[in-house]
Protein backbone atom coordinates (compact mmCIF):
# COMPACT_ATOMS: atom_id res chain seq x y z
CA MET A 1 -32.60 49.96 -3.30
CA ARG A 2 -33.48 52.45 -5.97
CA ARG A 3 -36.29 54.55 -7.25
CA LEU A 4 -37.48 55.44 -10.58
CA PRO A 5 -37.49 59.10 -11.41
CA LEU A 6 -40.31 61.12 -10.03
CA ALA A 7 -40.87 63.48 -12.90
CA LEU A 8 -43.81 61.38 -14.35
CA PRO A 9 -46.20 62.51 -16.79
CA PHE A 10 -49.18 60.74 -15.14
CA LEU A 11 -49.21 63.50 -12.64
CA LEU A 12 -51.90 65.33 -14.44
CA LEU A 13 -53.27 67.47 -11.68
CA THR A 14 -51.89 68.56 -8.28
CA PHE A 15 -53.86 69.65 -5.24
CA THR A 16 -52.01 71.11 -2.32
CA LEU A 17 -52.89 69.55 0.93
CA ALA A 18 -54.12 71.68 3.84
CA ALA A 19 -52.30 69.81 6.71
CA GLN A 20 -52.60 66.68 4.97
CA ASP A 21 -56.37 66.22 5.32
CA LEU A 22 -57.01 62.87 3.99
CA SER A 23 -60.61 62.56 5.58
CA GLY A 24 -62.20 61.96 2.23
CA TYR A 25 -59.44 59.32 1.11
CA GLU A 26 -59.15 55.27 2.25
CA LYS A 27 -55.82 54.04 3.32
CA ILE A 28 -54.40 51.05 1.54
CA LEU A 29 -51.41 49.40 2.99
CA LEU A 30 -48.79 48.15 0.50
CA PRO A 31 -46.46 45.94 2.94
CA VAL A 32 -43.68 46.34 0.52
CA ASP A 33 -42.74 49.76 -1.32
CA PRO A 34 -43.63 49.29 -5.11
CA PHE A 35 -40.65 49.76 -7.61
CA VAL A 36 -37.88 48.84 -4.85
CA THR A 37 -34.96 46.67 -5.50
CA VAL A 38 -33.26 44.93 -2.62
CA LEU A 39 -30.20 42.69 -2.57
CA GLY A 40 -30.78 39.70 -0.41
CA ALA A 41 -28.80 36.68 0.86
CA SER A 42 -26.51 34.70 -1.56
CA GLY A 43 -26.93 37.68 -4.05
CA THR A 44 -30.66 36.97 -4.73
CA GLN A 45 -32.32 40.40 -6.17
CA PHE A 46 -35.86 41.17 -4.93
CA SER A 47 -37.81 43.64 -6.71
CA THR A 48 -41.57 44.79 -6.50
CA ARG A 49 -43.80 46.72 -8.86
CA LEU A 50 -47.47 47.94 -8.52
CA ASP A 51 -50.04 47.68 -11.35
CA VAL A 52 -53.24 49.82 -11.06
CA TRP A 53 -56.30 49.71 -13.20
CA GLY A 54 -59.60 51.78 -12.97
CA PRO A 55 -62.57 52.80 -15.24
CA ALA A 56 -61.90 56.54 -14.74
CA PRO A 57 -59.04 59.04 -13.37
CA PHE A 58 -58.82 59.24 -9.50
CA GLN A 59 -57.37 61.41 -6.92
CA TYR A 60 -54.63 59.68 -4.71
CA TYR A 61 -51.95 60.48 -2.04
CA PHE A 62 -48.63 58.63 -1.90
CA GLY A 63 -46.51 60.88 -0.05
CA GLY A 64 -45.28 64.77 0.07
CA ASP A 65 -47.63 67.56 0.48
CA ALA A 66 -50.10 67.10 -2.24
CA THR A 67 -52.67 64.85 -3.80
CA HIS A 68 -52.43 63.89 -7.38
CA THR A 69 -54.78 62.69 -10.11
CA TYR A 70 -53.90 59.40 -11.98
CA ASP A 71 -55.46 58.32 -15.10
CA PRO A 72 -55.23 54.54 -15.34
CA THR A 73 -57.33 54.52 -18.80
CA SER A 74 -54.40 56.39 -20.70
CA PRO A 75 -52.87 54.24 -23.48
CA ALA A 76 -49.67 53.97 -21.29
CA PRO A 77 -50.08 54.92 -17.71
CA GLU A 78 -46.90 55.53 -15.87
CA PRO A 79 -46.06 53.71 -12.73
CA LEU A 80 -47.98 54.88 -9.55
CA GLN A 81 -45.19 55.12 -6.87
CA PRO A 82 -44.28 56.95 -3.75
CA LEU A 83 -43.57 60.61 -3.95
CA SER A 84 -41.49 61.10 -1.04
CA GLY A 85 -38.35 59.20 0.29
CA PRO A 86 -36.63 57.39 1.34
CA PRO A 87 -37.55 54.39 -0.69
CA THR A 88 -37.99 51.15 1.67
CA ASP A 89 -38.72 47.63 1.67
CA ILE A 90 -40.86 48.09 4.75
CA GLY A 91 -44.01 49.35 3.14
CA ARG A 92 -46.32 52.49 2.51
CA LEU A 93 -49.69 53.77 2.88
CA LEU A 94 -51.59 54.73 -0.47
CA SER A 95 -54.75 56.83 -0.04
CA ILE A 96 -57.32 56.99 -2.72
CA GLU A 97 -60.52 59.01 -2.72
CA LYS A 98 -63.23 56.93 -1.13
CA ASN A 99 -65.84 57.22 -3.77
CA ALA A 100 -63.19 55.61 -6.39
CA VAL A 101 -61.81 53.01 -4.29
CA PRO A 102 -64.44 50.22 -5.01
CA ASN A 103 -63.60 50.30 -8.77
CA VAL A 104 -59.87 50.49 -8.41
CA SER A 105 -57.82 47.30 -8.94
CA LEU A 106 -54.21 46.88 -7.49
CA HIS A 107 -51.73 44.22 -7.76
CA LEU A 108 -48.36 44.29 -6.06
CA GLU A 109 -45.88 41.79 -7.38
CA LEU A 110 -42.78 40.59 -5.86
CA THR A 111 -39.97 38.89 -7.83
CA ALA A 112 -37.05 36.97 -6.55
CA GLN A 113 -34.03 36.66 -8.95
CA PRO A 114 -31.27 34.12 -7.94
CA ALA A 115 -27.80 35.43 -8.43
CA GLY A 116 -26.37 34.13 -11.67
CA ALA A 117 -29.57 32.54 -12.57
CA ALA A 118 -31.29 32.82 -16.02
CA ASP A 119 -34.27 35.32 -16.08
CA TYR A 120 -36.70 32.33 -16.44
CA LEU A 121 -35.71 30.92 -13.05
CA GLY A 122 -36.74 33.97 -11.39
CA ARG A 123 -39.89 33.33 -9.00
CA ILE A 124 -43.00 35.88 -9.08
CA ASP A 125 -45.45 35.98 -6.11
CA SER A 126 -48.06 38.42 -5.17
CA VAL A 127 -47.94 40.51 -2.13
CA PRO A 128 -51.34 41.25 -0.25
CA VAL A 129 -52.76 44.71 -0.79
CA VAL A 130 -54.57 45.50 2.25
CA ARG A 131 -57.62 47.90 2.16
CA GLU A 132 -59.10 49.47 5.23
CA ARG A 133 -61.95 46.86 5.71
CA ASP A 134 -58.91 44.24 6.14
CA PHE A 135 -57.30 46.30 9.09
CA ARG A 136 -57.43 44.40 12.38
CA THR A 137 -58.50 45.65 15.75
CA GLY A 138 -58.56 42.22 17.44
CA ALA A 139 -56.37 39.16 17.48
CA ILE A 140 -54.47 37.95 14.36
CA VAL A 141 -53.39 34.35 14.36
CA PHE A 142 -51.17 32.28 12.15
CA PRO A 143 -52.23 28.79 12.67
CA ARG A 144 -49.19 26.87 11.56
CA ILE A 145 -45.79 28.33 10.82
CA PRO A 146 -42.84 25.59 10.14
CA PHE A 147 -39.60 25.68 11.68
CA PRO A 148 -37.52 22.78 10.17
CA TYR A 149 -34.13 21.85 10.24
CA VAL A 150 -32.00 19.98 7.57
CA TYR A 151 -28.83 18.14 7.85
CA LEU A 152 -26.14 18.37 5.15
CA THR A 153 -24.10 15.48 6.01
CA ASP A 154 -24.58 11.95 7.16
CA ALA A 155 -21.84 11.89 9.93
CA ILE A 156 -22.51 10.49 13.30
CA ALA A 157 -22.53 13.87 14.92
CA ARG A 158 -24.16 16.54 12.67
CA GLN A 159 -24.89 20.24 12.79
CA PRO A 160 -28.48 21.06 12.04
CA SER A 161 -28.92 23.95 9.59
CA ASP A 162 -32.28 26.13 9.41
CA LEU A 163 -34.31 25.48 6.31
CA TYR A 164 -36.08 28.78 6.57
CA ARG A 165 -35.74 32.10 8.08
CA HIS A 166 -38.66 33.96 9.41
CA LEU A 167 -39.82 37.42 9.82
CA LEU A 168 -43.06 38.79 11.63
CA ARG A 169 -43.91 42.32 10.34
CA ILE A 170 -46.53 44.24 12.01
CA TYR A 171 -47.85 47.94 10.74
CA ASP A 172 -49.75 50.45 12.74
CA VAL A 173 -51.56 51.90 9.93
CA ASP A 174 -52.51 55.03 11.85
CA ALA A 175 -48.83 55.72 12.75
CA ARG A 176 -49.99 56.31 16.39
CA GLY A 177 -46.24 55.99 17.40
CA ASP A 178 -47.31 54.66 20.99
CA ALA A 179 -48.78 51.21 20.12
CA ALA A 180 -47.70 47.86 20.99
CA VAL A 181 -48.89 44.27 20.55
CA ARG A 182 -48.38 41.22 22.44
CA ILE A 183 -46.94 37.91 20.74
CA LYS A 184 -47.53 34.64 21.94
CA VAL A 185 -45.80 31.47 20.29
CA TYR A 186 -47.46 28.01 20.76
CA HIS A 187 -45.48 24.64 20.06
CA LEU A 188 -47.67 22.52 18.00
CA ASN A 189 -45.47 19.42 18.43
CA ILE A 190 -45.89 19.26 22.20
CA GLY A 191 -49.92 19.91 22.63
CA GLY A 192 -49.77 23.47 21.84
CA THR A 193 -47.76 24.49 24.81
CA LEU A 194 -47.03 28.32 25.15
CA ILE A 195 -43.38 28.46 24.79
CA LYS A 196 -42.80 32.50 24.47
CA GLU A 197 -44.63 35.54 25.19
CA ALA A 198 -43.35 39.29 24.43
CA VAL A 199 -44.71 42.82 24.15
CA VAL A 200 -43.50 44.42 20.94
CA PRO A 201 -43.64 48.03 20.51
CA ILE A 202 -44.57 49.41 16.83
CA ASN A 203 -42.54 52.39 16.94
CA GLY A 204 -40.40 52.06 13.83
CA ARG A 205 -40.91 54.75 10.90
CA TYR A 206 -39.04 55.51 7.79
CA GLY A 207 -40.59 59.03 7.24
CA ASN A 208 -43.08 61.72 8.69
CA ASP A 209 -45.69 62.21 6.02
CA PRO A 210 -49.00 60.19 6.08
CA SER A 211 -47.66 57.55 3.50
CA PHE A 212 -45.29 56.10 6.22
CA PRO A 213 -46.83 53.60 8.65
CA ASN A 214 -45.19 52.63 12.05
CA TYR A 215 -44.01 49.14 11.80
CA ALA A 216 -42.10 46.64 13.79
CA VAL A 217 -39.91 43.86 12.43
CA VAL A 218 -39.64 40.59 14.58
CA ASP A 219 -37.06 37.95 13.90
CA LEU A 220 -38.85 34.90 14.87
CA ASP A 221 -35.59 32.73 14.65
CA THR A 222 -34.17 34.76 17.47
CA LEU A 223 -37.33 35.54 19.20
CA PHE A 224 -37.50 31.80 20.71
CA SER A 225 -35.67 28.40 20.21
CA HIS A 226 -37.34 26.02 17.80
CA CYS A 227 -34.71 23.18 18.31
CA ILE A 228 -36.64 20.12 19.87
CA PRO A 229 -33.46 17.98 21.38
CA PHE A 230 -33.29 14.34 20.01
CA SER A 231 -29.81 12.50 19.47
CA GLN A 232 -26.17 13.13 18.59
CA HIS A 233 -27.03 12.26 14.96
CA THR A 234 -30.05 14.60 14.95
CA PRO A 235 -29.53 16.96 17.66
CA CYS A 236 -32.54 19.24 16.74
CA LEU A 237 -36.05 18.27 15.33
CA GLY A 238 -37.89 20.86 13.67
CA MET A 239 -41.17 22.26 15.05
CA ASN A 240 -44.48 23.90 13.93
CA ALA A 241 -45.76 26.90 15.67
CA ARG A 242 -48.84 28.84 16.13
CA ILE A 243 -48.35 32.43 16.54
CA GLU A 244 -50.80 34.73 18.15
CA ILE A 245 -50.85 38.58 18.12
CA THR A 246 -53.32 40.80 20.23
CA PRO A 247 -53.24 44.57 20.59
CA GLU A 248 -51.97 45.94 24.00
CA THR A 249 -53.09 49.41 22.83
CA PRO A 250 -56.88 50.10 22.75
CA GLY A 251 -58.16 51.31 19.44
CA LEU A 252 -55.19 50.03 17.49
CA ARG A 253 -55.88 49.32 13.68
CA TYR A 254 -52.99 47.01 12.40
CA TRP A 255 -52.00 44.37 10.12
CA ALA A 256 -49.23 41.65 10.10
CA PHE A 257 -47.74 38.92 7.98
CA VAL A 258 -44.84 36.42 8.27
CA SER A 259 -42.33 36.00 5.52
CA VAL A 260 -40.55 32.56 5.36
CA THR A 261 -37.57 32.51 3.07
CA ASN A 262 -35.69 29.23 2.14
CA ASN A 263 -32.06 29.80 3.07
CA PHE A 264 -30.94 27.51 0.17
CA THR A 265 -33.20 28.62 -2.79
CA GLN A 266 -33.98 32.17 -1.49
CA GLU A 267 -37.69 31.42 -2.42
CA VAL A 268 -40.14 33.50 -0.32
CA THR A 269 -43.43 32.40 1.21
CA LEU A 270 -45.83 34.84 2.71
CA TYR A 271 -48.22 33.70 5.69
CA ASN A 272 -51.01 36.07 5.61
CA PRO A 273 -53.87 36.38 8.24
């Protein structure tokens, strides 16, 4: 992972924060840091960028001990990126003054570039930009997440390979530090039977300033078994699962998504609530 230099000309004006009072700002969750590069499986390079537009300059907070002014109307605005470290692929909270938020447009982009592939074979996807109105206090449900297997030979006895790997990411947007959620997994292929239930604390955090949410990352492939035994030739059938998340902590504001990555092409699909 790397960051671009922080000495940026778009920081036109700086206001020192008194104990980081952001009461006049709205939080916006970016589930992945902008302008971060991560090396994934099979040498695939994942990179992100954030594009911002608005009709007038506005104040924002994106880490550190001060707010800043960003002018999206300048002929060549510099990237709006976190101002405190460490850089991370977990995500950040961008705070923008409330009276400007309705007119600010944000687009977070994820590019996956397979190792050794031509640039034109890279895949570009959008990552949700989650505004305060989209933060959840009740249940989040993913109605169907696929867990298929593939077989790479036609032998009598074969070994199954997971087509996808699955990560569930959960964010405590108020960085309480003591929050938890309950996860329930239902097997849709056998009548929606509950097959796994777990309480997960949201206690991870990469930094201490208000731009860092608390988070939890759950590897769904190790949380429960998704193999349906069938035969020696096909020892595992795949399954579809419904995943439900409910807060264990009163007053929790949170958000979550599931990333599904193809183990052969490294293409990423995001399931959002």
